[in-house]
Amino acid sequence: MPMTSTKMIKLLKKNGFVQIAGGKGSHKKFYNQSTGKSTIVPDHKQELGKGLEHRILKQSGLK
């Protein structure tokens, strides 16, 4: 079952990501200083698509 944006943001924060400036509109940008990785997450209450969820996890180094 795909996760929501809210759950994805909580997962990123739990793994050392912090929100930084740079997301546009309804998107938020997150950066992890220890790994140097960053990713952008849409900020809405709907579930993320399977491909988008996979891409965010891969970009952040969590998968």
PDB file of N, CA and C in Angstrom:
ATOM      1  N   MET A   1       0.841  -1.178   0.000  1.00  0.00           N
ATOM      2  CA  MET A   1       0.000   0.000   0.000  1.00  0.00           C
ATOM      3  C   MET A   1       0.886   1.242   0.000  1.00  0.00           C
ATOM      4  N   PRO A   2       0.695   2.152  -0.933  1.00  0.00           N
ATOM      5  CA  PRO A   2       1.508   3.371  -0.994  1.00  0.00           C
ATOM      6  C   PRO A   2       1.315   4.237   0.248  1.00  0.00           C
ATOM      7  N   MET A   3       2.355   4.979   0.606  1.00  0.00           N
ATOM      8  CA  MET A   3       2.243   5.855   1.773  1.00  0.00           C
ATOM      9  C   MET A   3       1.821   7.256   1.355  1.00  0.00           C
ATOM     10  N   THR A   4       1.327   8.007   2.320  1.00  0.00           N
ATOM     11  CA  THR A   4       0.924   9.383   2.064  1.00  0.00           C
ATOM     12  C   THR A   4       2.147  10.292   2.143  1.00  0.00           C
ATOM     13  N   SER A   5       2.000  11.509   1.663  1.00  0.00           N
ATOM     14  CA  SER A   5       3.091  12.483   1.736  1.00  0.00           C
ATOM     15  C   SER A   5       3.478  12.753   3.183  1.00  0.00           C
ATOM     16  N   THR A   6       2.480  12.815   4.057  1.00  0.00           N
ATOM     17  CA  THR A   6       2.739  13.078   5.472  1.00  0.00           C
ATOM     18  C   THR A   6       3.624  11.992   6.074  1.00  0.00           C
ATOM     19  N   LYS A   7       3.331  10.729   5.760  1.00  0.00           N
ATOM     20  CA  LYS A   7       4.142   9.622   6.277  1.00  0.00           C
ATOM     21  C   LYS A   7       5.543   9.649   5.686  1.00  0.00           C
ATOM     22  N   MET A   8       5.655  10.001   4.407  1.00  0.00           N
ATOM     23  CA  MET A   8       6.967  10.079   3.762  1.00  0.00           C
ATOM     24  C   MET A   8       7.813  11.166   4.423  1.00  0.00           C
ATOM     25  N   ILE A   9       7.207  12.319   4.696  1.00  0.00           N
ATOM     26  CA  ILE A   9       7.927  13.421   5.332  1.00  0.00           C
ATOM     27  C   ILE A   9       8.393  13.007   6.724  1.00  0.00           C
ATOM     28  N   LYS A  10       7.542  12.312   7.489  1.00  0.00           N
ATOM     29  CA  LYS A  10       7.927  11.828   8.819  1.00  0.00           C
ATOM     30  C   LYS A  10       9.091  10.848   8.720  1.00  0.00           C
ATOM     31  N   LEU A  11       9.063   9.966   7.719  1.00  0.00           N
ATOM     32  CA  LEU A  11      10.138   8.994   7.516  1.00  0.00           C
ATOM     33  C   LEU A  11      11.454   9.699   7.198  1.00  0.00           C
ATOM     34  N   LEU A  12      11.401  10.694   6.325  1.00  0.00           N
ATOM     35  CA  LEU A  12      12.607  11.442   5.977  1.00  0.00           C
ATOM     36  C   LEU A  12      13.177  12.151   7.203  1.00  0.00           C
ATOM     37  N   LYS A  13      12.326  12.816   7.975  1.00  0.00           N
ATOM     38  CA  LYS A  13      12.788  13.536   9.167  1.00  0.00           C
ATOM     39  C   LYS A  13      13.384  12.575  10.191  1.00  0.00           C
ATOM     40  N   LYS A  14      12.781  11.397  10.329  1.00  0.00           N
ATOM     41  CA  LYS A  14      13.283  10.379  11.256  1.00  0.00           C
ATOM     42  C   LYS A  14      14.685   9.917  10.856  1.00  0.00           C
ATOM     43  N   ASN A  15      14.990   9.993   9.562  1.00  0.00           N
ATOM     44  CA  ASN A  15      16.283   9.551   9.049  1.00  0.00           C
ATOM     45  C   ASN A  15      17.255  10.704   8.815  1.00  0.00           C
ATOM     46  N   GLY A  16      17.045  11.822   9.487  1.00  0.00           N
ATOM     47  CA  GLY A  16      18.014  12.910   9.480  1.00  0.00           C
ATOM     48  C   GLY A  16      17.825  13.984   8.430  1.00  0.00           C
ATOM     49  N   PHE A  17      16.735  13.950   7.685  1.00  0.00           N
ATOM     50  CA  PHE A  17      16.482  14.973   6.676  1.00  0.00           C
ATOM     51  C   PHE A  17      15.821  16.181   7.324  1.00  0.00           C
ATOM     52  N   VAL A  18      16.184  17.363   6.851  1.00  0.00           N
ATOM     53  CA  VAL A  18      15.563  18.604   7.311  1.00  0.00           C
ATOM     54  C   VAL A  18      15.009  19.340   6.099  1.00  0.00           C
ATOM     55  N   GLN A  19      13.933  20.080   6.313  1.00  0.00           N
ATOM     56  CA  GLN A  19      13.336  20.843   5.219  1.00  0.00           C
ATOM     57  C   GLN A  19      14.189  22.073   4.952  1.00  0.00           C
ATOM     58  N   ILE A  20      14.460  22.316   3.674  1.00  0.00           N
ATOM     59  CA  ILE A  20      15.229  23.491   3.269  1.00  0.00           C
ATOM     60  C   ILE A  20      14.427  24.281   2.242  1.00  0.00           C
ATOM     61  N   ALA A  21      14.871  25.493   1.978  1.00  0.00           N
ATOM     62  CA  ALA A  21      14.220  26.318   0.956  1.00  0.00           C
ATOM     63  C   ALA A  21      14.440  25.688  -0.413  1.00  0.00           C
ATOM     64  N   GLY A  22      13.490  25.848  -1.297  1.00  0.00           N
ATOM     65  CA  GLY A  22      13.687  25.353  -2.651  1.00  0.00           C
ATOM     66  C   GLY A  22      12.495  24.641  -3.241  1.00  0.00           C
ATOM     67  N   GLY A  23      11.594  24.139  -2.416  1.00  0.00           N
ATOM     68  CA  GLY A  23      10.398  23.513  -2.958  1.00  0.00           C
ATOM     69  C   GLY A  23       9.450  24.584  -3.469  1.00  0.00           C
ATOM     70  N   LYS A  24       8.789  24.323  -4.572  1.00  0.00           N
ATOM     71  CA  LYS A  24       7.877  25.322  -5.141  1.00  0.00           C
ATOM     72  C   LYS A  24       6.441  24.851  -5.010  1.00  0.00           C
ATOM     73  N   GLY A  25       5.562  25.788  -4.747  1.00  0.00           N
ATOM     74  CA  GLY A  25       4.141  25.467  -4.672  1.00  0.00           C
ATOM     75  C   GLY A  25       3.844  24.485  -3.563  1.00  0.00           C
ATOM     76  N   SER A  26       3.256  23.364  -3.913  1.00  0.00           N
ATOM     77  CA  SER A  26       2.865  22.371  -2.917  1.00  0.00           C
ATOM     78  C   SER A  26       3.922  21.280  -2.760  1.00  0.00           C
ATOM     79  N   HIS A  27       5.183  21.617  -2.955  1.00  0.00           N
ATOM     80  CA  HIS A  27       6.278  20.666  -2.805  1.00  0.00           C
ATOM     81  C   HIS A  27       7.258  21.172  -1.753  1.00  0.00           C
ATOM     82  N   LYS A  28       7.867  20.226  -1.024  1.00  0.00           N
ATOM     83  CA  LYS A  28       8.857  20.563  -0.005  1.00  0.00           C
ATOM     84  C   LYS A  28      10.170  19.867  -0.344  1.00  0.00           C
ATOM     85  N   LYS A  29      11.281  20.568  -0.106  1.00  0.00           N
ATOM     86  CA  LYS A  29      12.600  20.018  -0.388  1.00  0.00           C
ATOM     87  C   LYS A  29      13.268  19.636   0.926  1.00  0.00           C
ATOM     88  N   PHE A  30      13.863  18.452   0.959  1.00  0.00           N
ATOM     89  CA  PHE A  30      14.524  17.944   2.154  1.00  0.00           C
ATOM     90  C   PHE A  30      15.976  17.599   1.843  1.00  0.00           C
ATOM     91  N   TYR A  31      16.844  17.817   2.846  1.00  0.00           N
ATOM     92  CA  TYR A  31      18.280  17.599   2.681  1.00  0.00           C
ATOM     93  C   TYR A  31      18.830  16.901   3.918  1.00  0.00           C
ATOM     94  N   ASN A  32      19.743  15.953   3.698  1.00  0.00           N
ATOM     95  CA  ASN A  32      20.424  15.265   4.792  1.00  0.00           C
ATOM     96  C   ASN A  32      21.891  15.651   4.731  1.00  0.00           C
ATOM     97  N   GLN A  33      22.350  16.412   5.711  1.00  0.00           N
ATOM     98  CA  GLN A  33      23.715  16.930   5.691  1.00  0.00           C
ATOM     99  C   GLN A  33      24.750  15.815   5.808  1.00  0.00           C
ATOM    100  N   SER A  34      24.470  14.756   6.562  1.00  0.00           N
ATOM    101  CA  SER A  34      25.457  13.697   6.748  1.00  0.00           C
ATOM    102  C   SER A  34      25.665  12.856   5.485  1.00  0.00           C
ATOM    103  N   THR A  35      24.629  12.717   4.650  1.00  0.00           N
ATOM    104  CA  THR A  35      24.771  11.926   3.426  1.00  0.00           C
ATOM    105  C   THR A  35      24.922  12.798   2.186  1.00  0.00           C
ATOM    106  N   GLY A  36      24.521  14.068   2.282  1.00  0.00           N
ATOM    107  CA  GLY A  36      24.584  14.971   1.138  1.00  0.00           C
ATOM    108  C   GLY A  36      23.468  14.748   0.133  1.00  0.00           C
ATOM    109  N   LYS A  37      22.475  13.948   0.494  1.00  0.00           N
ATOM    110  CA  LYS A  37      21.375  13.642  -0.429  1.00  0.00           C
ATOM    111  C   LYS A  37      20.202  14.586  -0.190  1.00  0.00           C
ATOM    112  N   SER A  38      19.467  14.863  -1.273  1.00  0.00           N
ATOM    113  CA  SER A  38      18.274  15.701  -1.160  1.00  0.00           C
ATOM    114  C   SER A  38      17.174  15.128  -2.043  1.00  0.00           C
ATOM    115  N   THR A  39      15.950  15.486  -1.720  1.00  0.00           N
ATOM    116  CA  THR A  39      14.801  15.030  -2.490  1.00  0.00           C
ATOM    117  C   THR A  39      13.653  16.019  -2.313  1.00  0.00           C
ATOM    118  N   ILE A  40      12.707  15.972  -3.213  1.00  0.00           N
ATOM    119  CA  ILE A  40      11.532  16.838  -3.156  1.00  0.00           C
ATOM    120  C   ILE A  40      10.296  15.958  -3.005  1.00  0.00           C
ATOM    121  N   VAL A  41       9.412  16.358  -2.082  1.00  0.00           N
ATOM    122  CA  VAL A  41       8.201  15.593  -1.786  1.00  0.00           C
ATOM    123  C   VAL A  41       6.984  16.491  -1.976  1.00  0.00           C
ATOM    124  N   PRO A  42       5.960  16.021  -2.703  1.00  0.00           N
ATOM    125  CA  PRO A  42       4.733  16.813  -2.801  1.00  0.00           C
ATOM    126  C   PRO A  42       4.063  16.878  -1.434  1.00  0.00           C
ATOM    127  N   ASP A  43       3.473  17.997  -1.109  1.00  0.00           N
ATOM    128  CA  ASP A  43       2.843  18.189   0.195  1.00  0.00           C
ATOM    129  C   ASP A  43       1.331  18.208   0.034  1.00  0.00           C
ATOM    130  N   HIS A  44       0.735  17.023   0.059  1.00  0.00           N
ATOM    131  CA  HIS A  44      -0.717  16.891   0.012  1.00  0.00           C
ATOM    132  C   HIS A  44      -1.111  15.674   0.833  1.00  0.00           C
ATOM    133  N   LYS A  45      -2.373  15.465   1.037  1.00  0.00           N
ATOM    134  CA  LYS A  45      -2.844  14.388   1.916  1.00  0.00           C
ATOM    135  C   LYS A  45      -3.118  13.085   1.173  1.00  0.00           C
ATOM    136  N   GLN A  46      -2.985  13.090  -0.130  1.00  0.00           N
ATOM    137  CA  GLN A  46      -3.265  11.890  -0.911  1.00  0.00           C
ATOM    138  C   GLN A  46      -2.085  10.924  -0.846  1.00  0.00           C
ATOM    139  N   GLU A  47      -2.334   9.683  -1.257  1.00  0.00           N
ATOM    140  CA  GLU A  47      -1.260   8.702  -1.324  1.00  0.00           C
ATOM    141  C   GLU A  47      -0.341   9.037  -2.488  1.00  0.00           C
ATOM    142  N   LEU A  48       0.943   8.759  -2.295  1.00  0.00           N
ATOM    143  CA  LEU A  48       1.913   8.935  -3.372  1.00  0.00           C
ATOM    144  C   LEU A  48       1.772   7.769  -4.339  1.00  0.00           C
ATOM    145  N   GLY A  49       2.030   8.014  -5.599  1.00  0.00           N
ATOM    146  CA  GLY A  49       2.038   6.933  -6.567  1.00  0.00           C
ATOM    147  C   GLY A  49       3.187   5.981  -6.264  1.00  0.00           C
ATOM    148  N   LYS A  50       3.048   4.749  -6.676  1.00  0.00           N
ATOM    149  CA  LYS A  50       4.058   3.727  -6.402  1.00  0.00           C
ATOM    150  C   LYS A  50       5.431   4.130  -6.942  1.00  0.00           C
ATOM    151  N   GLY A  51       5.464   4.634  -8.176  1.00  0.00           N
ATOM    152  CA  GLY A  51       6.726   5.035  -8.791  1.00  0.00           C
ATOM    153  C   GLY A  51       7.351   6.230  -8.102  1.00  0.00           C
ATOM    154  N   LEU A  52       6.533   7.208  -7.722  1.00  0.00           N
ATOM    155  CA  LEU A  52       7.033   8.399  -7.034  1.00  0.00           C
ATOM    156  C   LEU A  52       7.594   8.028  -5.667  1.00  0.00           C
ATOM    157  N   GLU A  53       6.884   7.160  -4.952  1.00  0.00           N
ATOM    158  CA  GLU A  53       7.357   6.703  -3.640  1.00  0.00           C
ATOM    159  C   GLU A  53       8.725   6.034  -3.781  1.00  0.00           C
ATOM    160  N   HIS A  54       8.854   5.157  -4.759  1.00  0.00           N
ATOM    161  CA  HIS A  54      10.113   4.454  -4.998  1.00  0.00           C
ATOM    162  C   HIS A  54      11.233   5.438  -5.341  1.00  0.00           C
ATOM    163  N   ARG A  55      10.940   6.425  -6.180  1.00  0.00           N
ATOM    164  CA  ARG A  55      11.934   7.413  -6.601  1.00  0.00           C
ATOM    165  C   ARG A  55      12.415   8.264  -5.423  1.00  0.00           C
ATOM    166  N   ILE A  56      11.492   8.680  -4.551  1.00  0.00           N
ATOM    167  CA  ILE A  56      11.866   9.485  -3.383  1.00  0.00           C
ATOM    168  C   ILE A  56      12.761   8.669  -2.452  1.00  0.00           C
ATOM    169  N   LEU A  57      12.391   7.416  -2.207  1.00  0.00           N
ATOM    170  CA  LEU A  57      13.200   6.562  -1.337  1.00  0.00           C
ATOM    171  C   LEU A  57      14.587   6.326  -1.936  1.00  0.00           C
ATOM    172  N   LYS A  58      14.659   6.153  -3.244  1.00  0.00           N
ATOM    173  CA  LYS A  58      15.943   5.930  -3.909  1.00  0.00           C
ATOM    174  C   LYS A  58      16.805   7.195  -3.866  1.00  0.00           C
ATOM    175  N   GLN A  59      16.214   8.363  -4.152  1.00  0.00           N
ATOM    176  CA  GLN A  59      16.958   9.622  -4.122  1.00  0.00           C
ATOM    177  C   GLN A  59      17.496   9.916  -2.729  1.00  0.00           C
ATOM    178  N   SER A  60      16.735   9.542  -1.710  1.00  0.00           N
ATOM    179  CA  SER A  60      17.138   9.841  -0.341  1.00  0.00           C
ATOM    180  C   SER A  60      18.101   8.797   0.217  1.00  0.00           C
ATOM    181  N   GLY A  61      18.311   7.707  -0.510  1.00  0.00           N
ATOM    182  CA  GLY A  61      19.225   6.666  -0.063  1.00  0.00           C
ATOM    183  C   GLY A  61      18.612   5.724   0.957  1.00  0.00           C
ATOM    184  N   LEU A  62      17.301   5.729   1.091  1.00  0.00           N
ATOM    185  CA  LEU A  62      16.625   4.862   2.052  1.00  0.00           C
ATOM    186  C   LEU A  62      16.229   3.523   1.440  1.00  0.00           C
ATOM    187  N   LYS A  63      16.471   3.362   0.148  1.00  0.00           N
ATOM    188  CA  LYS A  63      16.162   2.093  -0.515  1.00  0.00           C
ATOM    189  C   LYS A  63      17.285   1.710  -1.424  1.00  0.00           C
TER     190      LYS A  63
END
